[in-house]
Amino acid sequence: MNDQYDPISLEQLLCFNVYSLNRALNRFYQAAFGETGMTYPKFVVLSALDEAGPLTVSELSARASMEPSTLSPLLKRMAEYGVLTRIRAPEDERRVVVQLTDMGREAVTLVREAVLEGLKGVDLDPSQTGQIVKELGAARARIEGTKPARQLELGPMPPPLTNC
């Protein structure tokens, strides 16, 4: 990578580096999860519930940064598997409270151990990782609170090619 910052260079675009890092992390987690059926979204749900305890679907949605429409079918499958329960709140049956089962707590512990073991091969010390996480979190918060100065207007995209 060039030491001189060029905001047009693909290698120096923040969005490209975050996208590429996300893809690399997804490949890493897929390899760590193996053939277990665990996925990164499931790991996020398990971790959020392990850290916070029982949460409503809307609280879990916010904590896990997932849309409720994406989260609901995932929670249903995870409940059928037995790692969590979904129970209607007695005070308001429109709200669903989600919590880990013993199997879910064991699963999140095993997944975290597998991930930490795999990360030993990455040459980052904990202080570096902590600093990266802090900076990414701060950048995410600033970006979430900002709207683009203007919106690109190209007109409608051409229809897909049918003969290719």
N, C-alpha and C. Protein backbone atom coordinates (compact mmCIF):
# COMPACT_ATOMS: atom_id res chain seq x y z
N MET A 1 0.84 -1.18 0.00
CA MET A 1 0.00 0.00 0.00
C MET A 1 0.89 1.24 0.00
N ASN A 2 0.53 2.25 -0.73
CA ASN A 2 1.25 3.50 -0.84
C ASN A 2 1.12 4.28 0.47
N ASP A 3 2.23 4.89 0.94
CA ASP A 3 2.20 5.67 2.19
C ASP A 3 1.49 7.00 2.01
N GLN A 4 1.40 7.49 0.79
CA GLN A 4 0.73 8.76 0.50
C GLN A 4 -0.77 8.51 0.39
N TYR A 5 -1.57 9.32 1.10
CA TYR A 5 -3.02 9.14 1.08
C TYR A 5 -3.60 9.68 -0.22
N ASP A 6 -4.35 8.84 -0.91
CA ASP A 6 -5.02 9.20 -2.15
C ASP A 6 -6.48 8.79 -2.00
N PRO A 7 -7.40 9.76 -1.76
CA PRO A 7 -8.79 9.40 -1.48
C PRO A 7 -9.52 8.72 -2.63
N ILE A 8 -8.91 8.68 -3.81
CA ILE A 8 -9.54 8.03 -4.95
C ILE A 8 -9.04 6.60 -5.12
N SER A 9 -7.88 6.28 -4.56
CA SER A 9 -7.30 4.95 -4.68
C SER A 9 -8.17 3.93 -3.95
N LEU A 10 -8.51 2.83 -4.63
CA LEU A 10 -9.33 1.79 -4.04
C LEU A 10 -8.73 1.27 -2.75
N GLU A 11 -7.41 1.02 -2.75
CA GLU A 11 -6.74 0.50 -1.56
C GLU A 11 -6.80 1.44 -0.36
N GLN A 12 -7.05 2.73 -0.60
CA GLN A 12 -7.05 3.68 0.50
C GLN A 12 -8.45 4.16 0.87
N LEU A 13 -9.47 3.63 0.21
CA LEU A 13 -10.84 3.98 0.59
C LEU A 13 -11.22 3.27 1.88
N LEU A 14 -11.72 4.02 2.85
CA LEU A 14 -12.16 3.44 4.11
C LEU A 14 -13.20 2.36 3.85
N CYS A 15 -14.18 2.64 3.01
CA CYS A 15 -15.26 1.68 2.76
C CYS A 15 -14.73 0.38 2.16
N PHE A 16 -13.75 0.47 1.26
CA PHE A 16 -13.19 -0.74 0.66
C PHE A 16 -12.43 -1.56 1.69
N ASN A 17 -11.68 -0.88 2.55
CA ASN A 17 -10.91 -1.60 3.56
C ASN A 17 -11.83 -2.25 4.59
N VAL A 18 -12.90 -1.59 4.98
CA VAL A 18 -13.86 -2.18 5.91
C VAL A 18 -14.57 -3.36 5.24
N TYR A 19 -14.96 -3.19 3.98
CA TYR A 19 -15.60 -4.27 3.22
C TYR A 19 -14.67 -5.47 3.11
N SER A 20 -13.41 -5.23 2.75
CA SER A 20 -12.44 -6.31 2.59
C SER A 20 -12.16 -7.00 3.93
N LEU A 21 -12.06 -6.22 5.00
CA LEU A 21 -11.86 -6.78 6.33
C LEU A 21 -13.05 -7.64 6.71
N ASN A 22 -14.26 -7.17 6.43
CA ASN A 22 -15.47 -7.93 6.72
C ASN A 22 -15.46 -9.27 5.99
N ARG A 23 -15.08 -9.27 4.73
CA ARG A 23 -15.02 -10.52 3.96
C ARG A 23 -13.96 -11.45 4.54
N ALA A 24 -12.80 -10.91 4.90
CA ALA A 24 -11.74 -11.74 5.48
C ALA A 24 -12.20 -12.34 6.82
N LEU A 25 -12.85 -11.53 7.64
CA LEU A 25 -13.35 -12.02 8.92
C LEU A 25 -14.43 -13.09 8.72
N ASN A 26 -15.30 -12.89 7.74
CA ASN A 26 -16.32 -13.90 7.46
C ASN A 26 -15.69 -15.24 7.07
N ARG A 27 -14.66 -15.19 6.22
CA ARG A 27 -13.97 -16.43 5.84
C ARG A 27 -13.31 -17.07 7.06
N PHE A 28 -12.71 -16.25 7.92
CA PHE A 28 -12.08 -16.76 9.14
C PHE A 28 -13.12 -17.44 10.03
N TYR A 29 -14.23 -16.77 10.27
CA TYR A 29 -15.26 -17.34 11.14
C TYR A 29 -15.87 -18.60 10.53
N GLN A 30 -16.10 -18.61 9.20
CA GLN A 30 -16.61 -19.82 8.56
C GLN A 30 -15.67 -21.00 8.79
N ALA A 31 -14.37 -20.75 8.67
CA ALA A 31 -13.39 -21.81 8.90
C ALA A 31 -13.41 -22.25 10.37
N ALA A 32 -13.52 -21.29 11.29
CA ALA A 32 -13.55 -21.63 12.72
C ALA A 32 -14.82 -22.41 13.08
N PHE A 33 -15.93 -22.07 12.45
CA PHE A 33 -17.21 -22.73 12.76
C PHE A 33 -17.27 -24.12 12.15
N GLY A 34 -16.50 -24.35 11.09
CA GLY A 34 -16.48 -25.67 10.45
C GLY A 34 -17.85 -26.08 9.97
N GLU A 35 -18.18 -27.34 10.17
CA GLU A 35 -19.44 -27.92 9.69
C GLU A 35 -20.52 -27.93 10.78
N THR A 36 -20.41 -27.04 11.76
CA THR A 36 -21.33 -27.06 12.90
C THR A 36 -22.71 -26.48 12.60
N GLY A 37 -22.80 -25.69 11.53
CA GLY A 37 -24.05 -24.99 11.26
C GLY A 37 -24.07 -23.60 11.89
N MET A 38 -23.05 -23.29 12.67
CA MET A 38 -22.94 -21.96 13.26
C MET A 38 -22.60 -20.97 12.15
N THR A 39 -23.19 -19.80 12.23
CA THR A 39 -22.89 -18.71 11.30
C THR A 39 -22.54 -17.48 12.12
N TYR A 40 -21.98 -16.49 11.46
CA TYR A 40 -21.63 -15.28 12.19
C TYR A 40 -22.85 -14.59 12.78
N PRO A 41 -23.97 -14.45 12.04
CA PRO A 41 -25.16 -13.84 12.66
C PRO A 41 -25.64 -14.61 13.90
N LYS A 42 -25.59 -15.94 13.85
CA LYS A 42 -25.98 -16.73 15.02
C LYS A 42 -25.03 -16.46 16.18
N PHE A 43 -23.73 -16.37 15.89
CA PHE A 43 -22.75 -16.07 16.92
C PHE A 43 -23.01 -14.71 17.55
N VAL A 44 -23.36 -13.72 16.74
CA VAL A 44 -23.66 -12.38 17.25
C VAL A 44 -24.86 -12.44 18.19
N VAL A 45 -25.91 -13.16 17.80
CA VAL A 45 -27.10 -13.29 18.64
C VAL A 45 -26.75 -13.96 19.96
N LEU A 46 -26.03 -15.08 19.89
CA LEU A 46 -25.63 -15.79 21.11
C LEU A 46 -24.79 -14.90 22.01
N SER A 47 -23.85 -14.18 21.43
CA SER A 47 -22.97 -13.31 22.22
C SER A 47 -23.75 -12.18 22.87
N ALA A 48 -24.65 -11.57 22.12
CA ALA A 48 -25.45 -10.46 22.66
C ALA A 48 -26.29 -10.94 23.84
N LEU A 49 -26.91 -12.10 23.71
CA LEU A 49 -27.73 -12.64 24.80
C LEU A 49 -26.87 -13.08 25.97
N ASP A 50 -25.69 -13.61 25.70
CA ASP A 50 -24.79 -14.03 26.76
C ASP A 50 -24.33 -12.82 27.58
N GLU A 51 -24.06 -11.72 26.91
CA GLU A 51 -23.58 -10.52 27.59
C GLU A 51 -24.70 -9.77 28.32
N ALA A 52 -25.87 -9.68 27.70
CA ALA A 52 -26.92 -8.81 28.23
C ALA A 52 -28.01 -9.56 28.99
N GLY A 53 -28.08 -10.86 28.81
CA GLY A 53 -29.19 -11.60 29.41
C GLY A 53 -30.42 -11.51 28.52
N PRO A 54 -31.59 -11.85 29.05
CA PRO A 54 -32.80 -11.83 28.21
C PRO A 54 -33.05 -10.44 27.62
N LEU A 55 -33.43 -10.43 26.35
CA LEU A 55 -33.72 -9.18 25.64
C LEU A 55 -34.99 -9.35 24.83
N THR A 56 -35.71 -8.26 24.62
CA THR A 56 -36.82 -8.31 23.67
C THR A 56 -36.23 -8.36 22.27
N VAL A 57 -37.02 -8.74 21.30
CA VAL A 57 -36.54 -8.80 19.92
C VAL A 57 -36.05 -7.43 19.48
N SER A 58 -36.76 -6.37 19.84
CA SER A 58 -36.32 -5.03 19.42
C SER A 58 -35.01 -4.64 20.10
N GLU A 59 -34.84 -4.99 21.38
CA GLU A 59 -33.57 -4.71 22.07
C GLU A 59 -32.43 -5.51 21.43
N LEU A 60 -32.68 -6.77 21.14
CA LEU A 60 -31.68 -7.62 20.51
C LEU A 60 -31.33 -7.11 19.11
N SER A 61 -32.34 -6.66 18.39
CA SER A 61 -32.13 -6.10 17.06
C SER A 61 -31.17 -4.92 17.11
N ALA A 62 -31.39 -4.02 18.06
CA ALA A 62 -30.51 -2.85 18.21
C ALA A 62 -29.11 -3.27 18.64
N ARG A 63 -29.03 -4.15 19.60
CA ARG A 63 -27.73 -4.57 20.15
C ARG A 63 -26.91 -5.34 19.11
N ALA A 64 -27.56 -6.15 18.30
CA ALA A 64 -26.87 -6.98 17.30
C ALA A 64 -26.75 -6.28 15.95
N SER A 65 -27.29 -5.08 15.83
CA SER A 65 -27.28 -4.34 14.55
C SER A 65 -27.89 -5.16 13.42
N MET A 66 -29.04 -5.78 13.71
CA MET A 66 -29.77 -6.56 12.71
C MET A 66 -31.20 -6.04 12.63
N GLU A 67 -31.73 -6.04 11.44
CA GLU A 67 -33.13 -5.65 11.26
C GLU A 67 -34.03 -6.71 11.87
N PRO A 68 -35.13 -6.30 12.52
CA PRO A 68 -36.05 -7.29 13.09
C PRO A 68 -36.56 -8.29 12.06
N SER A 69 -36.75 -7.86 10.82
CA SER A 69 -37.23 -8.77 9.78
C SER A 69 -36.19 -9.84 9.44
N THR A 70 -34.92 -9.55 9.63
CA THR A 70 -33.85 -10.53 9.44
C THR A 70 -33.70 -11.39 10.68
N LEU A 71 -33.85 -10.77 11.82
CA LEU A 71 -33.63 -11.43 13.10
C LEU A 71 -34.71 -12.46 13.43
N SER A 72 -35.96 -12.14 13.17
CA SER A 72 -37.07 -13.01 13.58
C SER A 72 -36.96 -14.44 13.03
N PRO A 73 -36.75 -14.64 11.72
CA PRO A 73 -36.62 -16.02 11.24
C PRO A 73 -35.38 -16.72 11.79
N LEU A 74 -34.31 -15.97 12.01
CA LEU A 74 -33.10 -16.54 12.59
C LEU A 74 -33.38 -17.02 14.01
N LEU A 75 -34.08 -16.22 14.79
CA LEU A 75 -34.42 -16.60 16.16
C LEU A 75 -35.31 -17.83 16.19
N LYS A 76 -36.23 -17.91 15.25
CA LYS A 76 -37.13 -19.07 15.19
C LYS A 76 -36.32 -20.35 14.97
N ARG A 77 -35.38 -20.31 14.01
CA ARG A 77 -34.54 -21.49 13.73
C ARG A 77 -33.66 -21.84 14.92
N MET A 78 -33.12 -20.82 15.57
CA MET A 78 -32.25 -21.06 16.72
C MET A 78 -33.04 -21.64 17.90
N ALA A 79 -34.28 -21.20 18.05
CA ALA A 79 -35.13 -21.74 19.12
C ALA A 79 -35.47 -23.21 18.81
N GLU A 80 -35.75 -23.52 17.55
CA GLU A 80 -36.03 -24.90 17.16
C GLU A 80 -34.82 -25.80 17.42
N TYR A 81 -33.63 -25.24 17.26
CA TYR A 81 -32.40 -25.99 17.50
C TYR A 81 -32.16 -26.19 19.00
N GLY A 82 -32.66 -25.26 19.81
CA GLY A 82 -32.57 -25.40 21.26
C GLY A 82 -31.55 -24.53 21.96
N VAL A 83 -30.97 -23.55 21.25
CA VAL A 83 -29.97 -22.70 21.89
C VAL A 83 -30.58 -21.46 22.56
N LEU A 84 -31.83 -21.17 22.28
CA LEU A 84 -32.50 -20.04 22.91
C LEU A 84 -34.00 -20.30 22.98
N THR A 85 -34.67 -19.49 23.80
CA THR A 85 -36.13 -19.56 23.90
C THR A 85 -36.70 -18.21 23.52
N ARG A 86 -37.91 -18.23 23.00
CA ARG A 86 -38.66 -17.02 22.68
C ARG A 86 -39.98 -17.12 23.45
N ILE A 87 -40.21 -16.17 24.34
CA ILE A 87 -41.41 -16.20 25.17
C ILE A 87 -42.09 -14.84 25.10
N ARG A 88 -43.40 -14.85 24.94
CA ARG A 88 -44.17 -13.60 24.94
C ARG A 88 -44.12 -12.99 26.34
N ALA A 89 -43.90 -11.68 26.40
CA ALA A 89 -43.85 -10.99 27.68
C ALA A 89 -45.25 -10.99 28.30
N PRO A 90 -45.39 -11.40 29.55
CA PRO A 90 -46.72 -11.47 30.17
C PRO A 90 -47.40 -10.11 30.26
N GLU A 91 -46.63 -9.03 30.43
CA GLU A 91 -47.23 -7.71 30.56
C GLU A 91 -47.65 -7.11 29.21
N ASP A 92 -47.08 -7.63 28.12
CA ASP A 92 -47.42 -7.13 26.78
C ASP A 92 -47.12 -8.25 25.79
N GLU A 93 -48.14 -8.99 25.39
CA GLU A 93 -47.93 -10.16 24.54
C GLU A 93 -47.44 -9.83 23.13
N ARG A 94 -47.39 -8.55 22.79
CA ARG A 94 -46.82 -8.18 21.49
C ARG A 94 -45.30 -8.26 21.52
N ARG A 95 -44.73 -8.20 22.71
CA ARG A 95 -43.27 -8.24 22.87
C ARG A 95 -42.82 -9.69 23.10
N VAL A 96 -41.75 -10.06 22.42
CA VAL A 96 -41.16 -11.39 22.57
C VAL A 96 -39.81 -11.23 23.26
N VAL A 97 -39.62 -11.98 24.36
CA VAL A 97 -38.36 -11.95 25.10
C VAL A 97 -37.55 -13.19 24.70
N VAL A 98 -36.28 -12.95 24.38
CA VAL A 98 -35.39 -14.00 23.92
C VAL A 98 -34.31 -14.22 24.98
N GLN A 99 -34.03 -15.48 25.30
CA GLN A 99 -32.95 -15.76 26.24
C GLN A 99 -32.26 -17.07 25.88
N LEU A 100 -31.01 -17.18 26.30
CA LEU A 100 -30.23 -18.38 26.04
C LEU A 100 -30.70 -19.55 26.89
N THR A 101 -30.58 -20.73 26.33
CA THR A 101 -30.75 -21.96 27.11
C THR A 101 -29.37 -22.38 27.60
N ASP A 102 -29.31 -23.43 28.40
CA ASP A 102 -28.00 -23.95 28.82
C ASP A 102 -27.19 -24.36 27.61
N MET A 103 -27.84 -24.96 26.63
CA MET A 103 -27.16 -25.36 25.40
C MET A 103 -26.59 -24.13 24.68
N GLY A 104 -27.34 -23.04 24.66
CA GLY A 104 -26.89 -21.80 24.03
C GLY A 104 -25.68 -21.21 24.73
N ARG A 105 -25.69 -21.22 26.07
CA ARG A 105 -24.55 -20.71 26.83
C ARG A 105 -23.30 -21.56 26.56
N GLU A 106 -23.48 -22.86 26.49
CA GLU A 106 -22.36 -23.74 26.18
C GLU A 106 -21.85 -23.49 24.76
N ALA A 107 -22.77 -23.30 23.82
CA ALA A 107 -22.38 -23.06 22.43
C ALA A 107 -21.57 -21.78 22.30
N VAL A 108 -22.00 -20.70 22.95
CA VAL A 108 -21.28 -19.44 22.82
C VAL A 108 -19.89 -19.55 23.46
N THR A 109 -19.76 -20.29 24.54
CA THR A 109 -18.45 -20.50 25.16
C THR A 109 -17.53 -21.28 24.21
N LEU A 110 -18.05 -22.35 23.61
CA LEU A 110 -17.24 -23.16 22.69
C LEU A 110 -16.83 -22.36 21.46
N VAL A 111 -17.75 -21.56 20.93
CA VAL A 111 -17.44 -20.75 19.74
C VAL A 111 -16.37 -19.72 20.07
N ARG A 112 -16.53 -19.04 21.21
CA ARG A 112 -15.52 -18.04 21.59
C ARG A 112 -14.15 -18.68 21.76
N GLU A 113 -14.10 -19.86 22.37
CA GLU A 113 -12.81 -20.56 22.54
C GLU A 113 -12.20 -20.90 21.19
N ALA A 114 -13.01 -21.38 20.24
CA ALA A 114 -12.50 -21.73 18.91
C ALA A 114 -11.98 -20.49 18.19
N VAL A 115 -12.71 -19.39 18.31
CA VAL A 115 -12.30 -18.15 17.65
C VAL A 115 -11.00 -17.63 18.27
N LEU A 116 -10.93 -17.60 19.60
CA LEU A 116 -9.71 -17.11 20.26
C LEU A 116 -8.50 -17.98 19.90
N GLU A 117 -8.72 -19.27 19.81
CA GLU A 117 -7.63 -20.18 19.41
C GLU A 117 -7.17 -19.85 17.99
N GLY A 118 -8.12 -19.64 17.10
CA GLY A 118 -7.78 -19.30 15.72
C GLY A 118 -7.08 -17.96 15.59
N LEU A 119 -7.47 -17.00 16.44
CA LEU A 119 -6.87 -15.67 16.37
C LEU A 119 -5.43 -15.63 16.87
N LYS A 120 -4.99 -16.69 17.54
CA LYS A 120 -3.61 -16.73 17.99
C LYS A 120 -2.64 -16.65 16.81
N GLY A 121 -3.08 -17.10 15.64
CA GLY A 121 -2.24 -17.05 14.46
C GLY A 121 -2.19 -15.68 13.82
N VAL A 122 -3.02 -14.76 14.26
CA VAL A 122 -3.03 -13.39 13.72
C VAL A 122 -2.03 -12.58 14.55
N ASP A 123 -1.19 -11.86 13.88
CA ASP A 123 -0.12 -11.14 14.58
C ASP A 123 -0.60 -9.77 15.07
N LEU A 124 -1.60 -9.79 15.96
CA LEU A 124 -2.08 -8.56 16.60
C LEU A 124 -2.08 -8.79 18.11
N ASP A 125 -1.45 -7.88 18.85
CA ASP A 125 -1.52 -8.04 20.29
C ASP A 125 -2.84 -7.44 20.78
N PRO A 126 -3.29 -7.81 21.97
CA PRO A 126 -4.60 -7.35 22.46
C PRO A 126 -4.74 -5.83 22.48
N SER A 127 -3.68 -5.10 22.76
CA SER A 127 -3.81 -3.63 22.78
C SER A 127 -4.06 -3.10 21.37
N GLN A 128 -3.44 -3.72 20.34
CA GLN A 128 -3.70 -3.31 18.97
C GLN A 128 -5.15 -3.60 18.60
N THR A 129 -5.61 -4.79 18.94
CA THR A 129 -6.98 -5.17 18.63
C THR A 129 -7.95 -4.23 19.34
N GLY A 130 -7.69 -3.95 20.60
CA GLY A 130 -8.55 -3.04 21.35
C GLY A 130 -8.61 -1.66 20.73
N GLN A 131 -7.48 -1.16 20.26
CA GLN A 131 -7.43 0.16 19.63
C GLN A 131 -8.19 0.15 18.31
N ILE A 132 -8.03 -0.91 17.52
CA ILE A 132 -8.75 -1.01 16.24
C ILE A 132 -10.25 -1.04 16.49
N VAL A 133 -10.68 -1.85 17.46
CA VAL A 133 -12.11 -1.95 17.78
C VAL A 133 -12.65 -0.59 18.22
N LYS A 134 -11.90 0.11 19.05
CA LYS A 134 -12.32 1.43 19.54
C LYS A 134 -12.47 2.41 18.37
N GLU A 135 -11.48 2.43 17.49
CA GLU A 135 -11.52 3.36 16.35
C GLU A 135 -12.65 3.00 15.37
N LEU A 136 -12.83 1.71 15.10
CA LEU A 136 -13.92 1.31 14.21
C LEU A 136 -15.28 1.66 14.82
N GLY A 137 -15.43 1.44 16.12
CA GLY A 137 -16.69 1.79 16.80
C GLY A 137 -16.97 3.28 16.73
N ALA A 138 -15.95 4.09 16.94
CA ALA A 138 -16.12 5.54 16.86
C ALA A 138 -16.47 5.97 15.43
N ALA A 139 -15.80 5.37 14.45
CA ALA A 139 -16.10 5.70 13.05
C ALA A 139 -17.53 5.29 12.70
N ARG A 140 -17.95 4.09 13.15
CA ARG A 140 -19.32 3.64 12.89
C ARG A 140 -20.33 4.61 13.48
N ALA A 141 -20.11 5.03 14.72
CA ALA A 141 -21.03 5.96 15.37
C ALA A 141 -21.12 7.28 14.61
N ARG A 142 -19.98 7.80 14.16
CA ARG A 142 -20.00 9.06 13.40
C ARG A 142 -20.72 8.88 12.07
N ILE A 143 -20.45 7.78 11.39
CA ILE A 143 -21.07 7.54 10.08
C ILE A 143 -22.57 7.34 10.23
N GLU A 144 -22.99 6.60 11.26
CA GLU A 144 -24.43 6.39 11.48
C GLU A 144 -25.16 7.70 11.74
N GLY A 145 -24.46 8.68 12.29
CA GLY A 145 -25.09 9.95 12.61
C GLY A 145 -24.95 11.00 11.52
N THR A 146 -24.50 10.60 10.35
CA THR A 146 -24.24 11.55 9.26
C THR A 146 -24.99 11.14 8.01
N LYS A 147 -25.48 12.14 7.30
CA LYS A 147 -26.08 11.90 5.99
C LYS A 147 -25.16 12.50 4.93
N PRO A 148 -25.11 11.88 3.75
CA PRO A 148 -24.26 12.44 2.69
C PRO A 148 -24.66 13.88 2.37
N ALA A 149 -23.67 14.70 2.00
CA ALA A 149 -23.94 16.10 1.66
C ALA A 149 -24.86 16.20 0.44
N ARG A 150 -24.73 15.24 -0.45
CA ARG A 150 -25.62 15.21 -1.61
C ARG A 150 -25.80 13.76 -2.04
N GLN A 151 -26.86 13.53 -2.81
CA GLN A 151 -27.15 12.19 -3.28
C GLN A 151 -26.83 12.11 -4.77
N LEU A 152 -26.16 11.06 -5.15
CA LEU A 152 -25.78 10.84 -6.54
C LEU A 152 -27.03 10.65 -7.39
N GLU A 153 -27.05 11.30 -8.54
CA GLU A 153 -28.17 11.15 -9.46
C GLU A 153 -27.63 10.75 -10.82
N LEU A 154 -27.82 9.48 -11.16
CA LEU A 154 -27.36 8.97 -12.45
C LEU A 154 -28.49 8.67 -13.40
N GLY A 155 -29.69 8.65 -12.91
CA GLY A 155 -30.81 8.18 -13.70
C GLY A 155 -30.94 6.69 -13.52
N PRO A 156 -31.95 6.09 -14.11
CA PRO A 156 -32.17 4.65 -13.91
C PRO A 156 -31.05 3.83 -14.55
N MET A 157 -30.74 2.74 -13.90
CA MET A 157 -29.73 1.82 -14.42
C MET A 157 -30.31 1.07 -15.62
N PRO A 158 -29.48 0.72 -16.58
CA PRO A 158 -29.99 -0.02 -17.75
C PRO A 158 -30.46 -1.41 -17.31
N PRO A 159 -31.38 -1.99 -18.08
CA PRO A 159 -31.85 -3.34 -17.72
C PRO A 159 -30.71 -4.35 -17.89
N PRO A 160 -30.81 -5.47 -17.18
CA PRO A 160 -29.75 -6.49 -17.30
C PRO A 160 -29.68 -7.05 -18.72
N LEU A 161 -28.49 -7.45 -19.13
CA LEU A 161 -28.31 -8.07 -20.43
C LEU A 161 -28.91 -9.46 -20.42
N THR A 162 -29.63 -9.82 -21.45
CA THR A 162 -30.29 -11.13 -21.47
C THR A 162 -29.51 -12.17 -22.24
N ASN A 163 -28.60 -11.78 -23.11
CA ASN A 163 -27.89 -12.72 -23.97
C ASN A 163 -26.53 -13.12 -23.42
N CYS A 164 -26.21 -12.76 -22.20
CA CYS A 164 -24.87 -13.07 -21.66
C CYS A 164 -24.89 -14.30 -20.81
